[in-house]
Amino acid sequence: VTGATASLRGAAGTAAFAPAKAGQRALAQSMARHLGPKGVHVGLVILDGVVDLATTRARMPDKPDEFFLDPAAIAEAAHFLAHQPPSAWTFELDLRPFGERW
């Protein structure tokens, strides 16, 4: 499941988005607890930043490279999560670019 930082904390202007993402996080937790005993690994990847796409670069032309999340790096993290042994499953993985202030 892919989520956002808003699932952990609200911010000004996110009165609709933050509760929806918090609900998504709770759903993922419930799924993990329900499906884990059946051998299904459910994880939540929180993207704390802007994904580096042509459309986001066009909207933010003055931002440096370190401001953006690299899609290939996101894919690597998802692959890592999907291939963990059952003895050490990760539920929540936060990803943020080097330039993100948190």
N, C-alpha and C. Protein backbone atom coordinates (compact mmCIF):
# COMPACT_ATOMS: atom_id res chain seq x y z
N VAL A 1 0.86 -1.16 0.00
CA VAL A 1 0.00 0.00 0.00
C VAL A 1 0.90 1.23 0.00
N THR A 2 0.59 2.22 -0.82
CA THR A 2 1.37 3.45 -0.86
C THR A 2 0.58 4.56 -0.20
N GLY A 3 1.19 5.22 0.78
CA GLY A 3 0.52 6.28 1.51
C GLY A 3 1.32 7.57 1.47
N ALA A 4 0.96 8.48 2.34
CA ALA A 4 1.61 9.78 2.40
C ALA A 4 1.83 10.17 3.86
N THR A 5 2.69 11.14 4.06
CA THR A 5 2.99 11.64 5.40
C THR A 5 1.72 12.10 6.10
N ALA A 6 0.74 12.55 5.34
CA ALA A 6 -0.52 13.01 5.92
C ALA A 6 -1.22 11.91 6.72
N SER A 7 -0.84 10.65 6.50
CA SER A 7 -1.45 9.56 7.29
C SER A 7 -0.98 9.60 8.74
N LEU A 8 0.12 10.30 9.00
CA LEU A 8 0.70 10.39 10.35
C LEU A 8 0.36 11.69 11.05
N ARG A 9 0.19 12.76 10.28
CA ARG A 9 -0.10 14.07 10.88
C ARG A 9 -0.77 14.97 9.84
N GLY A 10 -1.71 15.74 10.32
CA GLY A 10 -2.38 16.68 9.45
C GLY A 10 -1.59 17.97 9.33
N ALA A 11 -1.97 18.78 8.39
CA ALA A 11 -1.34 20.08 8.19
C ALA A 11 -2.41 21.04 7.67
N ALA A 12 -2.10 22.30 7.72
CA ALA A 12 -3.03 23.30 7.20
C ALA A 12 -3.35 22.97 5.74
N GLY A 13 -4.61 23.02 5.40
CA GLY A 13 -5.03 22.77 4.03
C GLY A 13 -5.21 21.30 3.68
N THR A 14 -5.09 20.40 4.67
CA THR A 14 -5.24 18.96 4.37
C THR A 14 -6.41 18.34 5.13
N ALA A 15 -7.44 19.12 5.40
CA ALA A 15 -8.57 18.65 6.21
C ALA A 15 -9.30 17.47 5.57
N ALA A 16 -9.27 17.32 4.28
CA ALA A 16 -9.88 16.16 3.63
C ALA A 16 -8.85 15.07 3.35
N PHE A 17 -7.66 15.47 2.93
CA PHE A 17 -6.62 14.52 2.53
C PHE A 17 -6.06 13.73 3.71
N ALA A 18 -5.72 14.41 4.81
CA ALA A 18 -5.08 13.74 5.95
C ALA A 18 -5.97 12.65 6.57
N PRO A 19 -7.25 12.91 6.83
CA PRO A 19 -8.07 11.83 7.39
C PRO A 19 -8.22 10.64 6.44
N ALA A 20 -8.27 10.92 5.14
CA ALA A 20 -8.36 9.82 4.17
C ALA A 20 -7.10 8.97 4.21
N LYS A 21 -5.95 9.60 4.30
CA LYS A 21 -4.68 8.86 4.36
C LYS A 21 -4.53 8.14 5.70
N ALA A 22 -5.03 8.73 6.78
CA ALA A 22 -5.00 8.04 8.08
C ALA A 22 -5.89 6.79 8.03
N GLY A 23 -7.02 6.90 7.36
CA GLY A 23 -7.90 5.75 7.18
C GLY A 23 -7.24 4.67 6.34
N GLN A 24 -6.51 5.08 5.33
CA GLN A 24 -5.78 4.13 4.49
C GLN A 24 -4.73 3.38 5.32
N ARG A 25 -4.04 4.11 6.20
CA ARG A 25 -3.03 3.50 7.06
C ARG A 25 -3.68 2.49 8.01
N ALA A 26 -4.82 2.86 8.60
CA ALA A 26 -5.52 1.95 9.50
C ALA A 26 -6.01 0.71 8.75
N LEU A 27 -6.48 0.90 7.52
CA LEU A 27 -6.90 -0.24 6.71
C LEU A 27 -5.72 -1.17 6.44
N ALA A 28 -4.57 -0.60 6.10
CA ALA A 28 -3.38 -1.42 5.85
C ALA A 28 -2.97 -2.18 7.11
N GLN A 29 -3.05 -1.53 8.28
CA GLN A 29 -2.73 -2.22 9.54
C GLN A 29 -3.69 -3.39 9.77
N SER A 30 -4.96 -3.16 9.54
CA SER A 30 -5.96 -4.22 9.72
C SER A 30 -5.71 -5.37 8.75
N MET A 31 -5.39 -5.03 7.52
CA MET A 31 -5.09 -6.07 6.53
C MET A 31 -3.86 -6.87 6.93
N ALA A 32 -2.83 -6.17 7.43
CA ALA A 32 -1.60 -6.85 7.85
C ALA A 32 -1.88 -7.82 8.99
N ARG A 33 -2.70 -7.40 9.93
CA ARG A 33 -3.01 -8.27 11.07
C ARG A 33 -3.92 -9.45 10.67
N HIS A 34 -4.79 -9.20 9.71
CA HIS A 34 -5.70 -10.25 9.27
C HIS A 34 -5.00 -11.24 8.33
N LEU A 35 -4.20 -10.72 7.42
CA LEU A 35 -3.60 -11.57 6.39
C LEU A 35 -2.23 -12.13 6.76
N GLY A 36 -1.55 -11.48 7.71
CA GLY A 36 -0.22 -11.95 8.11
C GLY A 36 -0.20 -13.41 8.53
N PRO A 37 -1.13 -13.84 9.38
CA PRO A 37 -1.14 -15.25 9.79
C PRO A 37 -1.38 -16.22 8.63
N LYS A 38 -1.88 -15.69 7.51
CA LYS A 38 -2.10 -16.53 6.32
C LYS A 38 -0.91 -16.47 5.37
N GLY A 39 0.17 -15.79 5.81
CA GLY A 39 1.38 -15.72 4.99
C GLY A 39 1.42 -14.57 4.01
N VAL A 40 0.47 -13.64 4.12
CA VAL A 40 0.43 -12.50 3.21
C VAL A 40 1.06 -11.29 3.91
N HIS A 41 2.09 -10.75 3.31
CA HIS A 41 2.79 -9.59 3.87
C HIS A 41 2.16 -8.31 3.33
N VAL A 42 1.56 -7.53 4.20
CA VAL A 42 1.00 -6.23 3.83
C VAL A 42 1.90 -5.17 4.44
N GLY A 43 2.38 -4.26 3.63
CA GLY A 43 3.23 -3.18 4.10
C GLY A 43 2.73 -1.84 3.59
N LEU A 44 3.10 -0.80 4.29
CA LEU A 44 2.73 0.57 3.91
C LEU A 44 4.00 1.35 3.62
N VAL A 45 4.09 1.91 2.42
CA VAL A 45 5.21 2.76 2.04
C VAL A 45 4.71 4.20 2.07
N ILE A 46 5.28 5.00 2.97
CA ILE A 46 4.89 6.40 3.09
C ILE A 46 5.85 7.24 2.27
N LEU A 47 5.32 7.95 1.30
CA LEU A 47 6.13 8.83 0.46
C LEU A 47 6.07 10.23 1.05
N ASP A 48 7.17 10.67 1.62
CA ASP A 48 7.26 11.99 2.24
C ASP A 48 8.03 12.91 1.31
N GLY A 49 7.41 13.23 0.20
CA GLY A 49 8.06 14.09 -0.77
C GLY A 49 7.36 14.03 -2.11
N VAL A 50 7.94 14.69 -3.07
CA VAL A 50 7.38 14.80 -4.41
C VAL A 50 8.11 13.81 -5.32
N VAL A 51 7.35 13.00 -6.04
CA VAL A 51 7.94 12.02 -6.95
C VAL A 51 8.45 12.75 -8.20
N ASP A 52 9.64 12.38 -8.63
CA ASP A 52 10.30 13.02 -9.77
C ASP A 52 9.69 12.53 -11.08
N LEU A 53 8.75 13.29 -11.58
CA LEU A 53 8.09 13.02 -12.86
C LEU A 53 8.17 14.27 -13.72
N ALA A 54 7.97 14.11 -15.00
CA ALA A 54 8.00 15.27 -15.90
C ALA A 54 6.96 16.31 -15.47
N THR A 55 5.79 15.85 -15.04
CA THR A 55 4.73 16.79 -14.65
C THR A 55 5.09 17.55 -13.37
N THR A 56 5.72 16.86 -12.40
CA THR A 56 6.08 17.55 -11.16
C THR A 56 7.26 18.49 -11.39
N ARG A 57 8.18 18.10 -12.26
CA ARG A 57 9.30 18.99 -12.60
C ARG A 57 8.79 20.25 -13.29
N ALA A 58 7.78 20.09 -14.14
CA ALA A 58 7.22 21.25 -14.85
C ALA A 58 6.54 22.21 -13.88
N ARG A 59 5.90 21.67 -12.84
CA ARG A 59 5.23 22.53 -11.85
C ARG A 59 6.21 23.15 -10.87
N MET A 60 7.38 22.55 -10.72
CA MET A 60 8.38 23.01 -9.74
C MET A 60 9.76 23.13 -10.40
N PRO A 61 9.87 23.98 -11.40
CA PRO A 61 11.13 24.03 -12.16
C PRO A 61 12.33 24.54 -11.37
N ASP A 62 12.12 25.24 -10.28
CA ASP A 62 13.23 25.80 -9.51
C ASP A 62 13.75 24.87 -8.41
N LYS A 63 13.12 23.73 -8.23
CA LYS A 63 13.53 22.81 -7.17
C LYS A 63 14.76 22.01 -7.60
N PRO A 64 15.71 21.81 -6.68
CA PRO A 64 16.91 21.03 -7.02
C PRO A 64 16.60 19.52 -7.06
N ASP A 65 17.49 18.76 -7.64
CA ASP A 65 17.30 17.31 -7.76
C ASP A 65 17.02 16.64 -6.43
N GLU A 66 17.71 17.08 -5.37
CA GLU A 66 17.56 16.41 -4.07
C GLU A 66 16.20 16.66 -3.41
N PHE A 67 15.37 17.49 -4.02
CA PHE A 67 14.02 17.74 -3.52
C PHE A 67 13.07 16.60 -3.89
N PHE A 68 13.38 15.87 -4.95
CA PHE A 68 12.46 14.89 -5.52
C PHE A 68 12.80 13.45 -5.13
N LEU A 69 11.77 12.62 -5.03
CA LEU A 69 11.93 11.18 -4.83
C LEU A 69 12.12 10.52 -6.20
N ASP A 70 13.16 9.76 -6.34
CA ASP A 70 13.46 9.06 -7.59
C ASP A 70 12.54 7.83 -7.71
N PRO A 71 11.76 7.73 -8.80
CA PRO A 71 10.86 6.58 -8.96
C PRO A 71 11.59 5.24 -8.90
N ALA A 72 12.81 5.17 -9.43
CA ALA A 72 13.56 3.91 -9.39
C ALA A 72 13.92 3.55 -7.95
N ALA A 73 14.23 4.53 -7.14
CA ALA A 73 14.54 4.28 -5.73
C ALA A 73 13.29 3.82 -4.97
N ILE A 74 12.15 4.39 -5.32
CA ILE A 74 10.88 3.95 -4.72
C ILE A 74 10.63 2.48 -5.07
N ALA A 75 10.86 2.14 -6.34
CA ALA A 75 10.67 0.75 -6.79
C ALA A 75 11.61 -0.20 -6.05
N GLU A 76 12.86 0.21 -5.84
CA GLU A 76 13.81 -0.62 -5.10
C GLU A 76 13.32 -0.88 -3.67
N ALA A 77 12.81 0.17 -3.04
CA ALA A 77 12.30 0.02 -1.67
C ALA A 77 11.09 -0.91 -1.63
N ALA A 78 10.21 -0.79 -2.62
CA ALA A 78 9.03 -1.67 -2.68
C ALA A 78 9.47 -3.12 -2.91
N HIS A 79 10.47 -3.31 -3.74
CA HIS A 79 11.00 -4.66 -3.99
C HIS A 79 11.58 -5.25 -2.69
N PHE A 80 12.33 -4.43 -1.96
CA PHE A 80 12.88 -4.85 -0.67
C PHE A 80 11.77 -5.31 0.26
N LEU A 81 10.71 -4.51 0.34
CA LEU A 81 9.59 -4.82 1.22
C LEU A 81 8.89 -6.11 0.80
N ALA A 82 8.73 -6.29 -0.50
CA ALA A 82 8.01 -7.46 -1.01
C ALA A 82 8.79 -8.76 -0.88
N HIS A 83 10.09 -8.67 -0.70
CA HIS A 83 10.91 -9.88 -0.67
C HIS A 83 11.53 -10.16 0.70
N GLN A 84 10.93 -9.64 1.74
CA GLN A 84 11.44 -9.90 3.09
C GLN A 84 11.02 -11.28 3.56
N PRO A 85 11.87 -11.92 4.36
CA PRO A 85 11.47 -13.20 4.94
C PRO A 85 10.40 -12.98 6.02
N PRO A 86 9.50 -13.92 6.20
CA PRO A 86 8.44 -13.77 7.19
C PRO A 86 8.94 -13.57 8.62
N SER A 87 10.17 -13.92 8.89
CA SER A 87 10.70 -13.75 10.24
C SER A 87 11.04 -12.30 10.58
N ALA A 88 11.01 -11.42 9.57
CA ALA A 88 11.35 -10.01 9.81
C ALA A 88 10.63 -9.10 8.82
N TRP A 89 9.31 -9.11 8.88
CA TRP A 89 8.52 -8.27 7.99
C TRP A 89 8.49 -6.83 8.49
N THR A 90 8.61 -5.91 7.56
CA THR A 90 8.43 -4.49 7.85
C THR A 90 6.98 -4.15 7.54
N PHE A 91 6.33 -3.39 8.42
CA PHE A 91 4.99 -2.92 8.08
C PHE A 91 5.06 -1.55 7.43
N GLU A 92 5.78 -0.62 8.04
CA GLU A 92 5.76 0.76 7.57
C GLU A 92 7.16 1.21 7.19
N LEU A 93 7.26 1.77 5.99
CA LEU A 93 8.55 2.23 5.47
C LEU A 93 8.38 3.66 5.00
N ASP A 94 9.11 4.59 5.61
CA ASP A 94 9.05 6.00 5.22
C ASP A 94 10.15 6.29 4.21
N LEU A 95 9.78 6.90 3.09
CA LEU A 95 10.76 7.30 2.08
C LEU A 95 10.69 8.80 1.91
N ARG A 96 11.84 9.44 1.96
CA ARG A 96 11.89 10.88 1.72
C ARG A 96 13.18 11.22 1.02
N PRO A 97 13.16 12.24 0.16
CA PRO A 97 14.39 12.63 -0.51
C PRO A 97 15.32 13.37 0.45
N PHE A 98 16.57 13.38 0.10
CA PHE A 98 17.60 14.02 0.91
C PHE A 98 17.23 15.47 1.25
N GLY A 99 16.65 16.19 0.30
CA GLY A 99 16.35 17.60 0.50
C GLY A 99 15.06 17.90 1.24
N GLU A 100 14.30 16.87 1.61
CA GLU A 100 13.03 17.10 2.31
C GLU A 100 13.29 17.44 3.77
N ARG A 101 12.67 18.52 4.23
CA ARG A 101 12.76 18.87 5.65
C ARG A 101 11.66 18.14 6.41
N TRP A 102 12.03 17.47 7.45
CA TRP A 102 11.03 16.76 8.26
C TRP A 102 11.42 16.89 9.68
